[in-house]
Amino acid sequence: MKVFKRYAISLLASVLLVSLIFVFPVAAQMQQQQRGMISVDLSSVRNDLAKNLNVKAEQIPEMVQAPVGVAAQVCDKDANDLAQQMQSGQATCKAKTTSQALNQIVLRQMGSSQKY
């Protein structure tokens, strides 16, 4: 029984070590991708966003930072092109439509910029 316990503990330790070796690089890469944000100009969809969020258009920020996927969708741009622009500097695009994800981003930014 003692041999089995030692074997089990050694096996568990090995599995944990191998997991850490593979998990940390993946987690670091995911965090790096999340940092990549696109500046989205909301001027042409400001009224739509205000209607969707039930607020005045003046309350909608002029720009928000959005992940590449959201920016590509609302700006009608290719995500790969935006990602390349992001690699070479700050990427921007002008929103042509809204989405649920963009609504949430705008709400978060409005919440953080308002004083309660």
PDB file of N, CA and C in Angstrom:
ATOM      1  N   MET A   1       0.813  -1.188   0.000  1.00  0.00           N
ATOM      2  CA  MET A   1       0.000   0.000   0.000  1.00  0.00           C
ATOM      3  C   MET A   1       0.863   1.260   0.000  1.00  0.00           C
ATOM      4  N   LYS A   2       1.998   1.225   0.763  1.00  0.00           N
ATOM      5  CA  LYS A   2       2.885   2.378   0.803  1.00  0.00           C
ATOM      6  C   LYS A   2       3.500   2.643  -0.567  1.00  0.00           C
ATOM      7  N   VAL A   3       3.827   1.580  -1.289  1.00  0.00           N
ATOM      8  CA  VAL A   3       4.414   1.737  -2.622  1.00  0.00           C
ATOM      9  C   VAL A   3       3.409   2.407  -3.550  1.00  0.00           C
ATOM     10  N   PHE A   4       2.175   1.996  -3.474  1.00  0.00           N
ATOM     11  CA  PHE A   4       1.123   2.578  -4.309  1.00  0.00           C
ATOM     12  C   PHE A   4       0.936   4.062  -3.982  1.00  0.00           C
ATOM     13  N   LYS A   5       0.957   4.419  -2.702  1.00  0.00           N
ATOM     14  CA  LYS A   5       0.810   5.801  -2.280  1.00  0.00           C
ATOM     15  C   LYS A   5       1.954   6.659  -2.826  1.00  0.00           C
ATOM     16  N   ARG A   6       3.167   6.154  -2.713  1.00  0.00           N
ATOM     17  CA  ARG A   6       4.326   6.888  -3.238  1.00  0.00           C
ATOM     18  C   ARG A   6       4.213   7.051  -4.745  1.00  0.00           C
ATOM     19  N   TYR A   7       3.798   5.992  -5.415  1.00  0.00           N
ATOM     20  CA  TYR A   7       3.645   6.033  -6.865  1.00  0.00           C
ATOM     21  C   TYR A   7       2.575   7.064  -7.240  1.00  0.00           C
ATOM     22  N   ALA A   8       1.463   7.053  -6.533  1.00  0.00           N
ATOM     23  CA  ALA A   8       0.364   7.974  -6.813  1.00  0.00           C
ATOM     24  C   ALA A   8       0.801   9.423  -6.584  1.00  0.00           C
ATOM     25  N   ILE A   9       1.518   9.684  -5.518  1.00  0.00           N
ATOM     26  CA  ILE A   9       1.987  11.042  -5.221  1.00  0.00           C
ATOM     27  C   ILE A   9       2.985  11.499  -6.280  1.00  0.00           C
ATOM     28  N   SER A  10       3.894  10.624  -6.672  1.00  0.00           N
ATOM     29  CA  SER A  10       4.870  10.965  -7.714  1.00  0.00           C
ATOM     30  C   SER A  10       4.177  11.240  -9.039  1.00  0.00           C
ATOM     31  N   LEU A  11       3.200  10.419  -9.367  1.00  0.00           N
ATOM     32  CA  LEU A  11       2.457  10.595 -10.610  1.00  0.00           C
ATOM     33  C   LEU A  11       1.697  11.913 -10.597  1.00  0.00           C
ATOM     34  N   LEU A  12       1.055  12.210  -9.497  1.00  0.00           N
ATOM     35  CA  LEU A  12       0.317  13.461  -9.363  1.00  0.00           C
ATOM     36  C   LEU A  12       1.245  14.665  -9.482  1.00  0.00           C
ATOM     37  N   ALA A  13       2.381  14.611  -8.848  1.00  0.00           N
ATOM     38  CA  ALA A  13       3.354  15.704  -8.923  1.00  0.00           C
ATOM     39  C   ALA A  13       3.836  15.894 -10.359  1.00  0.00           C
ATOM     40  N   SER A  14       4.077  14.808 -11.059  1.00  0.00           N
ATOM     41  CA  SER A  14       4.522  14.884 -12.447  1.00  0.00           C
ATOM     42  C   SER A  14       3.450  15.502 -13.338  1.00  0.00           C
ATOM     43  N   VAL A  15       2.215  15.092 -13.142  1.00  0.00           N
ATOM     44  CA  VAL A  15       1.107  15.639 -13.932  1.00  0.00           C
ATOM     45  C   VAL A  15       0.967  17.132 -13.672  1.00  0.00           C
ATOM     46  N   LEU A  16       1.077  17.551 -12.423  1.00  0.00           N
ATOM     47  CA  LEU A  16       0.988  18.969 -12.097  1.00  0.00           C
ATOM     48  C   LEU A  16       2.119  19.768 -12.740  1.00  0.00           C
ATOM     49  N   LEU A  17       3.313  19.241 -12.694  1.00  0.00           N
ATOM     50  CA  LEU A  17       4.455  19.926 -13.281  1.00  0.00           C
ATOM     51  C   LEU A  17       4.288  20.080 -14.786  1.00  0.00           C
ATOM     52  N   VAL A  18       3.891  19.007 -15.446  1.00  0.00           N
ATOM     53  CA  VAL A  18       3.685  19.061 -16.897  1.00  0.00           C
ATOM     54  C   VAL A  18       2.563  20.036 -17.239  1.00  0.00           C
ATOM     55  N   SER A  19       1.491  20.049 -16.461  1.00  0.00           N
ATOM     56  CA  SER A  19       0.380  20.977 -16.700  1.00  0.00           C
ATOM     57  C   SER A  19       0.856  22.416 -16.613  1.00  0.00           C
ATOM     58  N   LEU A  20       1.650  22.719 -15.607  1.00  0.00           N
ATOM     59  CA  LEU A  20       2.139  24.084 -15.441  1.00  0.00           C
ATOM     60  C   LEU A  20       3.029  24.502 -16.601  1.00  0.00           C
ATOM     61  N   ILE A  21       3.816  23.580 -17.091  1.00  0.00           N
ATOM     62  CA  ILE A  21       4.706  23.888 -18.214  1.00  0.00           C
ATOM     63  C   ILE A  21       3.902  24.281 -19.442  1.00  0.00           C
ATOM     64  N   PHE A  22       2.756  23.612 -19.660  1.00  0.00           N
ATOM     65  CA  PHE A  22       1.951  23.903 -20.837  1.00  0.00           C
ATOM     66  C   PHE A  22       0.926  25.007 -20.618  1.00  0.00           C
ATOM     67  N   VAL A  23       0.452  25.202 -19.425  1.00  0.00           N
ATOM     68  CA  VAL A  23      -0.602  26.176 -19.159  1.00  0.00           C
ATOM     69  C   VAL A  23      -0.063  27.603 -19.142  1.00  0.00           C
ATOM     70  N   PHE A  24       1.076  27.856 -18.532  1.00  0.00           N
ATOM     71  CA  PHE A  24       1.574  29.220 -18.421  1.00  0.00           C
ATOM     72  C   PHE A  24       1.821  29.888 -19.771  1.00  0.00           C
ATOM     73  N   PRO A  25       2.463  29.250 -20.743  1.00  0.00           N
ATOM     74  CA  PRO A  25       2.631  29.929 -22.033  1.00  0.00           C
ATOM     75  C   PRO A  25       1.298  30.226 -22.716  1.00  0.00           C
ATOM     76  N   VAL A  26       0.338  29.328 -22.614  1.00  0.00           N
ATOM     77  CA  VAL A  26      -0.972  29.545 -23.226  1.00  0.00           C
ATOM     78  C   VAL A  26      -1.679  30.706 -22.539  1.00  0.00           C
ATOM     79  N   ALA A  27      -1.627  30.758 -21.223  1.00  0.00           N
ATOM     80  CA  ALA A  27      -2.265  31.846 -20.475  1.00  0.00           C
ATOM     81  C   ALA A  27      -1.609  33.181 -20.811  1.00  0.00           C
ATOM     82  N   ALA A  28      -0.307  33.199 -20.930  1.00  0.00           N
ATOM     83  CA  ALA A  28       0.401  34.439 -21.272  1.00  0.00           C
ATOM     84  C   ALA A  28       0.016  34.906 -22.665  1.00  0.00           C
ATOM     85  N   GLN A  29      -0.114  33.990 -23.596  1.00  0.00           N
ATOM     86  CA  GLN A  29      -0.500  34.343 -24.960  1.00  0.00           C
ATOM     87  C   GLN A  29      -1.926  34.888 -24.979  1.00  0.00           C
ATOM     88  N   MET A  30      -2.842  34.285 -24.242  1.00  0.00           N
ATOM     89  CA  MET A  30      -4.216  34.761 -24.188  1.00  0.00           C
ATOM     90  C   MET A  30      -4.277  36.157 -23.588  1.00  0.00           C
ATOM     91  N   GLN A  31      -3.497  36.395 -22.552  1.00  0.00           N
ATOM     92  CA  GLN A  31      -3.491  37.713 -21.925  1.00  0.00           C
ATOM     93  C   GLN A  31      -2.951  38.754 -22.894  1.00  0.00           C
ATOM     94  N   GLN A  32      -1.933  38.391 -23.654  1.00  0.00           N
ATOM     95  CA  GLN A  32      -1.363  39.311 -24.628  1.00  0.00           C
ATOM     96  C   GLN A  32      -2.389  39.649 -25.700  1.00  0.00           C
ATOM     97  N   GLN A  33      -3.165  38.675 -26.155  1.00  0.00           N
ATOM     98  CA  GLN A  33      -4.177  38.928 -27.167  1.00  0.00           C
ATOM     99  C   GLN A  33      -5.275  39.831 -26.631  1.00  0.00           C
ATOM    100  N   GLN A  34      -5.637  39.688 -25.372  1.00  0.00           N
ATOM    101  CA  GLN A  34      -6.692  40.510 -24.805  1.00  0.00           C
ATOM    102  C   GLN A  34      -6.265  41.958 -24.680  1.00  0.00           C
ATOM    103  N   ARG A  35      -4.967  42.204 -24.518  1.00  0.00           N
ATOM    104  CA  ARG A  35      -4.479  43.572 -24.412  1.00  0.00           C
ATOM    105  C   ARG A  35      -4.645  44.313 -25.721  1.00  0.00           C
ATOM    106  N   GLY A  36      -4.677  43.604 -26.844  1.00  0.00           N
ATOM    107  CA  GLY A  36      -4.791  44.228 -28.152  1.00  0.00           C
ATOM    108  C   GLY A  36      -6.195  44.742 -28.381  1.00  0.00           C
ATOM    109  N   MET A  37      -6.338  46.043 -28.322  1.00  0.00           N
ATOM    110  CA  MET A  37      -7.650  46.651 -28.493  1.00  0.00           C
ATOM    111  C   MET A  37      -7.619  47.628 -29.660  1.00  0.00           C
ATOM    112  N   ILE A  38      -8.775  47.792 -30.275  1.00  0.00           N
ATOM    113  CA  ILE A  38      -8.945  48.701 -31.397  1.00  0.00           C
ATOM    114  C   ILE A  38      -9.762  49.894 -30.916  1.00  0.00           C
ATOM    115  N   SER A  39      -9.350  51.090 -31.291  1.00  0.00           N
ATOM    116  CA  SER A  39     -10.132  52.290 -30.975  1.00  0.00           C
ATOM    117  C   SER A  39     -11.259  52.394 -31.998  1.00  0.00           C
ATOM    118  N   VAL A  40     -12.488  52.345 -31.499  1.00  0.00           N
ATOM    119  CA  VAL A  40     -13.657  52.384 -32.383  1.00  0.00           C
ATOM    120  C   VAL A  40     -14.348  53.738 -32.248  1.00  0.00           C
ATOM    121  N   ASP A  41     -14.456  54.445 -33.380  1.00  0.00           N
ATOM    122  CA  ASP A  41     -15.138  55.738 -33.454  1.00  0.00           C
ATOM    123  C   ASP A  41     -16.641  55.463 -33.511  1.00  0.00           C
ATOM    124  N   LEU A  42     -17.384  56.014 -32.563  1.00  0.00           N
ATOM    125  CA  LEU A  42     -18.821  55.754 -32.462  1.00  0.00           C
ATOM    126  C   LEU A  42     -19.684  56.853 -33.056  1.00  0.00           C
ATOM    127  N   SER A  43     -19.095  57.864 -33.683  1.00  0.00           N
ATOM    128  CA  SER A  43     -19.855  59.034 -34.120  1.00  0.00           C
ATOM    129  C   SER A  43     -21.020  58.698 -35.050  1.00  0.00           C
ATOM    130  N   SER A  44     -20.857  57.741 -35.929  1.00  0.00           N
ATOM    131  CA  SER A  44     -21.932  57.445 -36.880  1.00  0.00           C
ATOM    132  C   SER A  44     -23.006  56.513 -36.322  1.00  0.00           C
ATOM    133  N   VAL A  45     -22.772  55.918 -35.162  1.00  0.00           N
ATOM    134  CA  VAL A  45     -23.780  55.018 -34.573  1.00  0.00           C
ATOM    135  C   VAL A  45     -24.237  55.510 -33.196  1.00  0.00           C
ATOM    136  N   ARG A  46     -23.871  56.721 -32.873  1.00  0.00           N
ATOM    137  CA  ARG A  46     -24.168  57.277 -31.546  1.00  0.00           C
ATOM    138  C   ARG A  46     -25.668  57.244 -31.233  1.00  0.00           C
ATOM    139  N   ASN A  47     -26.512  57.655 -32.178  1.00  0.00           N
ATOM    140  CA  ASN A  47     -27.956  57.669 -31.937  1.00  0.00           C
ATOM    141  C   ASN A  47     -28.509  56.258 -31.755  1.00  0.00           C
ATOM    142  N   ASP A  48     -28.018  55.311 -32.551  1.00  0.00           N
ATOM    143  CA  ASP A  48     -28.463  53.921 -32.414  1.00  0.00           C
ATOM    144  C   ASP A  48     -28.073  53.353 -31.051  1.00  0.00           C
ATOM    145  N   LEU A  49     -26.838  53.630 -30.636  1.00  0.00           N
ATOM    146  CA  LEU A  49     -26.382  53.161 -29.331  1.00  0.00           C
ATOM    147  C   LEU A  49     -27.219  53.774 -28.207  1.00  0.00           C
ATOM    148  N   ALA A  50     -27.510  55.070 -28.319  1.00  0.00           N
ATOM    149  CA  ALA A  50     -28.309  55.750 -27.299  1.00  0.00           C
ATOM    150  C   ALA A  50     -29.697  55.109 -27.205  1.00  0.00           C
ATOM    151  N   LYS A  51     -30.266  54.809 -28.350  1.00  0.00           N
ATOM    152  CA  LYS A  51     -31.585  54.168 -28.365  1.00  0.00           C
ATOM    153  C   LYS A  51     -31.505  52.769 -27.743  1.00  0.00           C
ATOM    154  N   ASN A  52     -30.499  51.994 -28.134  1.00  0.00           N
ATOM    155  CA  ASN A  52     -30.329  50.636 -27.601  1.00  0.00           C
ATOM    156  C   ASN A  52     -30.132  50.639 -26.087  1.00  0.00           C
ATOM    157  N   LEU A  53     -29.413  51.650 -25.589  1.00  0.00           N
ATOM    158  CA  LEU A  53     -29.059  51.700 -24.169  1.00  0.00           C
ATOM    159  C   LEU A  53     -29.997  52.569 -23.344  1.00  0.00           C
ATOM    160  N   ASN A  54     -30.977  53.192 -24.030  1.00  0.00           N
ATOM    161  CA  ASN A  54     -31.963  54.024 -23.360  1.00  0.00           C
ATOM    162  C   ASN A  54     -31.299  55.182 -22.597  1.00  0.00           C
ATOM    163  N   VAL A  55     -30.391  55.870 -23.296  1.00  0.00           N
ATOM    164  CA  VAL A  55     -29.709  57.039 -22.737  1.00  0.00           C
ATOM    165  C   VAL A  55     -29.717  58.144 -23.792  1.00  0.00           C
ATOM    166  N   LYS A  56     -29.283  59.330 -23.413  1.00  0.00           N
ATOM    167  CA  LYS A  56     -29.165  60.435 -24.365  1.00  0.00           C
ATOM    168  C   LYS A  56     -27.910  60.234 -25.209  1.00  0.00           C
ATOM    169  N   ALA A  57     -27.977  60.650 -26.458  1.00  0.00           N
ATOM    170  CA  ALA A  57     -26.839  60.486 -27.374  1.00  0.00           C
ATOM    171  C   ALA A  57     -25.590  61.181 -26.842  1.00  0.00           C
ATOM    172  N   GLU A  58     -25.786  62.286 -26.122  1.00  0.00           N
ATOM    173  CA  GLU A  58     -24.639  63.026 -25.578  1.00  0.00           C
ATOM    174  C   GLU A  58     -23.871  62.220 -24.542  1.00  0.00           C
ATOM    175  N   GLN A  59     -24.518  61.214 -23.974  1.00  0.00           N
ATOM    176  CA  GLN A  59     -23.860  60.392 -22.963  1.00  0.00           C
ATOM    177  C   GLN A  59     -22.952  59.325 -23.578  1.00  0.00           C
ATOM    178  N   ILE A  60     -23.124  59.054 -24.850  1.00  0.00           N
ATOM    179  CA  ILE A  60     -22.327  58.029 -25.522  1.00  0.00           C
ATOM    180  C   ILE A  60     -20.930  58.583 -25.782  1.00  0.00           C
ATOM    181  N   PRO A  61     -19.887  57.858 -25.404  1.00  0.00           N
ATOM    182  CA  PRO A  61     -18.522  58.355 -25.661  1.00  0.00           C
ATOM    183  C   PRO A  61     -18.229  58.406 -27.161  1.00  0.00           C
ATOM    184  N   GLU A  62     -17.285  59.249 -27.524  1.00  0.00           N
ATOM    185  CA  GLU A  62     -16.908  59.364 -28.937  1.00  0.00           C
ATOM    186  C   GLU A  62     -16.154  58.130 -29.423  1.00  0.00           C
ATOM    187  N   MET A  63     -15.345  57.549 -28.542  1.00  0.00           N
ATOM    188  CA  MET A  63     -14.522  56.394 -28.893  1.00  0.00           C
ATOM    189  C   MET A  63     -14.570  55.392 -27.748  1.00  0.00           C
ATOM    190  N   VAL A  64     -14.421  54.114 -28.093  1.00  0.00           N
ATOM    191  CA  VAL A  64     -14.237  53.062 -27.096  1.00  0.00           C
ATOM    192  C   VAL A  64     -13.137  52.133 -27.578  1.00  0.00           C
ATOM    193  N   GLN A  65     -12.563  51.402 -26.648  1.00  0.00           N
ATOM    194  CA  GLN A  65     -11.575  50.381 -26.961  1.00  0.00           C
ATOM    195  C   GLN A  65     -12.315  49.048 -27.035  1.00  0.00           C
ATOM    196  N   ALA A  66     -12.175  48.353 -28.144  1.00  0.00           N
ATOM    197  CA  ALA A  66     -12.882  47.083 -28.335  1.00  0.00           C
ATOM    198  C   ALA A  66     -11.909  46.014 -28.823  1.00  0.00           C
ATOM    199  N   PRO A  67     -12.176  44.755 -28.475  1.00  0.00           N
ATOM    200  CA  PRO A  67     -11.360  43.663 -29.010  1.00  0.00           C
ATOM    201  C   PRO A  67     -11.476  43.610 -30.531  1.00  0.00           C
ATOM    202  N   VAL A  68     -10.489  43.019 -31.167  1.00  0.00           N
ATOM    203  CA  VAL A  68     -10.432  42.957 -32.623  1.00  0.00           C
ATOM    204  C   VAL A  68     -11.718  42.393 -33.220  1.00  0.00           C
ATOM    205  N   GLY A  69     -12.232  41.307 -32.645  1.00  0.00           N
ATOM    206  CA  GLY A  69     -13.429  40.670 -33.201  1.00  0.00           C
ATOM    207  C   GLY A  69     -14.640  41.580 -33.198  1.00  0.00           C
ATOM    208  N   VAL A  70     -14.837  42.302 -32.104  1.00  0.00           N
ATOM    209  CA  VAL A  70     -15.974  43.223 -32.007  1.00  0.00           C
ATOM    210  C   VAL A  70     -15.776  44.380 -32.980  1.00  0.00           C
ATOM    211  N   ALA A  71     -14.569  44.942 -33.006  1.00  0.00           N
ATOM    212  CA  ALA A  71     -14.288  46.059 -33.905  1.00  0.00           C
ATOM    213  C   ALA A  71     -14.484  45.654 -35.362  1.00  0.00           C
ATOM    214  N   ALA A  72     -14.013  44.481 -35.728  1.00  0.00           N
ATOM    215  CA  ALA A  72     -14.166  44.011 -37.110  1.00  0.00           C
ATOM    216  C   ALA A  72     -15.635  43.906 -37.475  1.00  0.00           C
ATOM    217  N   GLN A  73     -16.440  43.401 -36.552  1.00  0.00           N
ATOM    218  CA  GLN A  73     -17.870  43.225 -36.822  1.00  0.00           C
ATOM    219  C   GLN A  73     -18.579  44.566 -36.997  1.00  0.00           C
ATOM    220  N   VAL A  74     -18.398  45.490 -36.055  1.00  0.00           N
ATOM    221  CA  VAL A  74     -19.150  46.739 -36.113  1.00  0.00           C
ATOM    222  C   VAL A  74     -18.597  47.730 -37.134  1.00  0.00           C
ATOM    223  N   CYS A  75     -17.327  47.596 -37.502  1.00  0.00           N
ATOM    224  CA  CYS A  75     -16.718  48.485 -38.500  1.00  0.00           C
ATOM    225  C   CYS A  75     -16.742  47.879 -39.900  1.00  0.00           C
ATOM    226  N   ASP A  76     -17.215  46.654 -39.994  1.00  0.00           N
ATOM    227  CA  ASP A  76     -17.257  45.936 -41.271  1.00  0.00           C
ATOM    228  C   ASP A  76     -15.862  45.883 -41.908  1.00  0.00           C
ATOM    229  N   LYS A  77     -14.909  45.468 -41.099  1.00  0.00           N
ATOM    230  CA  LYS A  77     -13.513  45.342 -41.528  1.00  0.00           C
ATOM    231  C   LYS A  77     -13.067  43.900 -41.332  1.00  0.00           C
ATOM    232  N   ASP A  78     -12.015  43.528 -42.022  1.00  0.00           N
ATOM    233  CA  ASP A  78     -11.427  42.203 -41.851  1.00  0.00           C
ATOM    234  C   ASP A  78     -10.627  42.181 -40.549  1.00  0.00           C
ATOM    235  N   ALA A  79     -10.891  41.185 -39.712  1.00  0.00           N
ATOM    236  CA  ALA A  79     -10.217  41.085 -38.415  1.00  0.00           C
ATOM    237  C   ALA A  79      -8.705  40.968 -38.584  1.00  0.00           C
ATOM    238  N   ASN A  80      -8.256  40.250 -39.602  1.00  0.00           N
ATOM    239  CA  ASN A  80      -6.813  40.107 -39.827  1.00  0.00           C
ATOM    240  C   ASN A  80      -6.175  41.450 -40.164  1.00  0.00           C
ATOM    241  N   ASP A  81      -6.864  42.265 -40.967  1.00  0.00           N
ATOM    242  CA  ASP A  81      -6.334  43.592 -41.293  1.00  0.00           C
ATOM    243  C   ASP A  81      -6.221  44.464 -40.041  1.00  0.00           C
ATOM    244  N   LEU A  82      -7.251  44.429 -39.209  1.00  0.00           N
ATOM    245  CA  LEU A  82      -7.207  45.209 -37.971  1.00  0.00           C
ATOM    246  C   LEU A  82      -6.096  44.715 -37.049  1.00  0.00           C
ATOM    247  N   ALA A  83      -5.925  43.397 -36.975  1.00  0.00           N
ATOM    248  CA  ALA A  83      -4.866  42.843 -36.129  1.00  0.00           C
ATOM    249  C   ALA A  83      -3.495  43.278 -36.620  1.00  0.00           C
ATOM    250  N   GLN A  84      -3.303  43.321 -37.940  1.00  0.00           N
ATOM    251  CA  GLN A  84      -2.025  43.782 -38.491  1.00  0.00           C
ATOM    252  C   GLN A  84      -1.802  45.259 -38.183  1.00  0.00           C
ATOM    253  N   GLN A  85      -2.866  46.067 -38.297  1.00  0.00           N
ATOM    254  CA  GLN A  85      -2.755  47.491 -37.960  1.00  0.00           C
ATOM    255  C   GLN A  85      -2.378  47.650 -36.494  1.00  0.00           C
ATOM    256  N   MET A  86      -2.955  46.796 -35.661  1.00  0.00           N
ATOM    257  CA  MET A  86      -2.691  46.859 -34.236  1.00  0.00           C
ATOM    258  C   MET A  86      -1.222  46.532 -33.951  1.00  0.00           C
ATOM    259  N   GLN A  87      -0.657  45.580 -34.677  1.00  0.00           N
ATOM    260  CA  GLN A  87       0.743  45.205 -34.479  1.00  0.00           C
ATOM    261  C   GLN A  87       1.679  46.350 -34.839  1.00  0.00           C
ATOM    262  N   SER A  88       1.291  47.144 -35.843  1.00  0.00           N
ATOM    263  CA  SER A  88       2.169  48.221 -36.295  1.00  0.00           C
ATOM    264  C   SER A  88       1.921  49.537 -35.559  1.00  0.00           C
ATOM    265  N   GLY A  89       0.959  49.571 -34.682  1.00  0.00           N
ATOM    266  CA  GLY A  89       0.642  50.783 -33.937  1.00  0.00           C
ATOM    267  C   GLY A  89      -0.801  50.730 -33.498  1.00  0.00           C
ATOM    268  N   GLN A  90      -1.332  51.877 -33.131  1.00  0.00           N
ATOM    269  CA  GLN A  90      -2.712  51.915 -32.652  1.00  0.00           C
ATOM    270  C   GLN A  90      -3.664  51.846 -33.839  1.00  0.00           C
ATOM    271  N   ALA A  91      -4.541  50.875 -33.823  1.00  0.00           N
ATOM    272  CA  ALA A  91      -5.509  50.695 -34.895  1.00  0.00           C
ATOM    273  C   ALA A  91      -6.819  51.369 -34.525  1.00  0.00           C
ATOM    274  N   THR A  92      -7.454  51.970 -35.520  1.00  0.00           N
ATOM    275  CA  THR A  92      -8.755  52.592 -35.318  1.00  0.00           C
ATOM    276  C   THR A  92      -9.678  52.208 -36.460  1.00  0.00           C
ATOM    277  N   CYS A  93     -10.971  52.284 -36.187  1.00  0.00           N
ATOM    278  CA  CYS A  93     -11.955  52.096 -37.240  1.00  0.00           C
ATOM    279  C   CYS A  93     -13.218  52.840 -36.839  1.00  0.00           C
ATOM    280  N   LYS A  94     -14.082  53.076 -37.817  1.00  0.00           N
ATOM    281  CA  LYS A  94     -15.324  53.798 -37.575  1.00  0.00           C
ATOM    282  C   LYS A  94     -16.477  52.803 -37.610  1.00  0.00           C
ATOM    283  N   ALA A  95     -17.251  52.752 -36.530  1.00  0.00           N
ATOM    284  CA  ALA A  95     -18.377  51.817 -36.443  1.00  0.00           C
ATOM    285  C   ALA A  95     -19.428  52.178 -37.484  1.00  0.00           C
ATOM    286  N   LYS A  96     -19.924  51.152 -38.162  1.00  0.00           N
ATOM    287  CA  LYS A  96     -20.995  51.329 -39.141  1.00  0.00           C
ATOM    288  C   LYS A  96     -22.311  50.760 -38.623  1.00  0.00           C
ATOM    289  N   THR A  97     -22.215  49.928 -37.604  1.00  0.00           N
ATOM    290  CA  THR A  97     -23.376  49.297 -37.004  1.00  0.00           C
ATOM    291  C   THR A  97     -23.100  49.042 -35.534  1.00  0.00           C
ATOM    292  N   THR A  98     -24.101  48.596 -34.825  1.00  0.00           N
ATOM    293  CA  THR A  98     -23.920  48.257 -33.420  1.00  0.00           C
ATOM    294  C   THR A  98     -24.046  46.749 -33.247  1.00  0.00           C
ATOM    295  N   SER A  99     -23.736  46.298 -32.073  1.00  0.00           N
ATOM    296  CA  SER A  99     -23.906  44.884 -31.726  1.00  0.00           C
ATOM    297  C   SER A  99     -24.113  44.805 -30.220  1.00  0.00           C
ATOM    298  N   GLN A 100     -24.550  43.673 -29.763  1.00  0.00           N
ATOM    299  CA  GLN A 100     -24.732  43.478 -28.322  1.00  0.00           C
ATOM    300  C   GLN A 100     -23.403  43.654 -27.593  1.00  0.00           C
ATOM    301  N   ALA A 101     -22.327  43.132 -28.184  1.00  0.00           N
ATOM    302  CA  ALA A 101     -21.005  43.260 -27.561  1.00  0.00           C
ATOM    303  C   ALA A 101     -20.584  44.727 -27.468  1.00  0.00           C
ATOM    304  N   LEU A 102     -20.818  45.488 -28.528  1.00  0.00           N
ATOM    305  CA  LEU A 102     -20.470  46.908 -28.505  1.00  0.00           C
ATOM    306  C   LEU A 102     -21.319  47.643 -27.465  1.00  0.00           C
ATOM    307  N   ASN A 103     -22.606  47.303 -27.387  1.00  0.00           N
ATOM    308  CA  ASN A 103     -23.471  47.907 -26.365  1.00  0.00           C
ATOM    309  C   ASN A 103     -22.873  47.705 -24.973  1.00  0.00           C
ATOM    310  N   GLN A 104     -22.402  46.496 -24.693  1.00  0.00           N
ATOM    311  CA  GLN A 104     -21.830  46.191 -23.380  1.00  0.00           C
ATOM    312  C   GLN A 104     -20.552  46.980 -23.119  1.00  0.00           C
ATOM    313  N   ILE A 105     -19.724  47.107 -24.140  1.00  0.00           N
ATOM    314  CA  ILE A 105     -18.474  47.867 -24.006  1.00  0.00           C
ATOM    315  C   ILE A 105     -18.787  49.331 -23.696  1.00  0.00           C
ATOM    316  N   VAL A 106     -19.751  49.891 -24.428  1.00  0.00           N
ATOM    317  CA  VAL A 106     -20.132  51.287 -24.215  1.00  0.00           C
ATOM    318  C   VAL A 106     -20.697  51.470 -22.809  1.00  0.00           C
ATOM    319  N   LEU A 107     -21.554  50.544 -22.389  1.00  0.00           N
ATOM    320  CA  LEU A 107     -22.115  50.624 -21.033  1.00  0.00           C
ATOM    321  C   LEU A 107     -21.021  50.612 -19.972  1.00  0.00           C
ATOM    322  N   ARG A 108     -20.032  49.722 -20.143  1.00  0.00           N
ATOM    323  CA  ARG A 108     -18.926  49.651 -19.172  1.00  0.00           C
ATOM    324  C   ARG A 108     -18.158  50.962 -19.136  1.00  0.00           C
ATOM    325  N   GLN A 109     -17.885  51.519 -20.316  1.00  0.00           N
ATOM    326  CA  GLN A 109     -17.125  52.768 -20.343  1.00  0.00           C
ATOM    327  C   GLN A 109     -17.943  53.909 -19.750  1.00  0.00           C
ATOM    328  N   MET A 110     -19.227  53.935 -20.045  1.00  0.00           N
ATOM    329  CA  MET A 110     -20.070  54.983 -19.470  1.00  0.00           C
ATOM    330  C   MET A 110     -20.118  54.853 -17.953  1.00  0.00           C
ATOM    331  N   GLY A 111     -20.198  53.645 -17.458  1.00  0.00           N
ATOM    332  CA  GLY A 111     -20.240  53.418 -16.010  1.00  0.00           C
ATOM    333  C   GLY A 111     -18.969  53.848 -15.327  1.00  0.00           C
ATOM    334  N   SER A 112     -17.834  53.624 -15.987  1.00  0.00           N
ATOM    335  CA  SER A 112     -16.560  53.983 -15.364  1.00  0.00           C
ATOM    336  C   SER A 112     -16.282  55.478 -15.465  1.00  0.00           C
ATOM    337  N   SER A 113     -16.958  56.185 -16.393  1.00  0.00           N
ATOM    338  CA  SER A 113     -16.686  57.607 -16.536  1.00  0.00           C
ATOM    339  C   SER A 113     -17.694  58.477 -15.783  1.00  0.00           C
ATOM    340  N   GLN A 114     -18.795  57.861 -15.310  1.00  0.00           N
ATOM    341  CA  GLN A 114     -19.800  58.618 -14.576  1.00  0.00           C
ATOM    342  C   GLN A 114     -19.529  58.562 -13.081  1.00  0.00           C
ATOM    343  N   LYS A 115     -19.832  59.628 -12.394  1.00  0.00           N
ATOM    344  CA  LYS A 115     -19.676  59.670 -10.938  1.00  0.00           C
ATOM    345  C   LYS A 115     -21.030  59.414 -10.310  1.00  0.00           C
ATOM    346  N   TYR A 116     -21.037  58.592  -9.279  1.00  0.00           N
ATOM    347  CA  TYR A 116     -22.299  58.264  -8.597  1.00  0.00           C
ATOM    348  C   TYR A 116     -22.319  58.876  -7.231  1.00  0.00           C
TER     349      TYR A 116
END
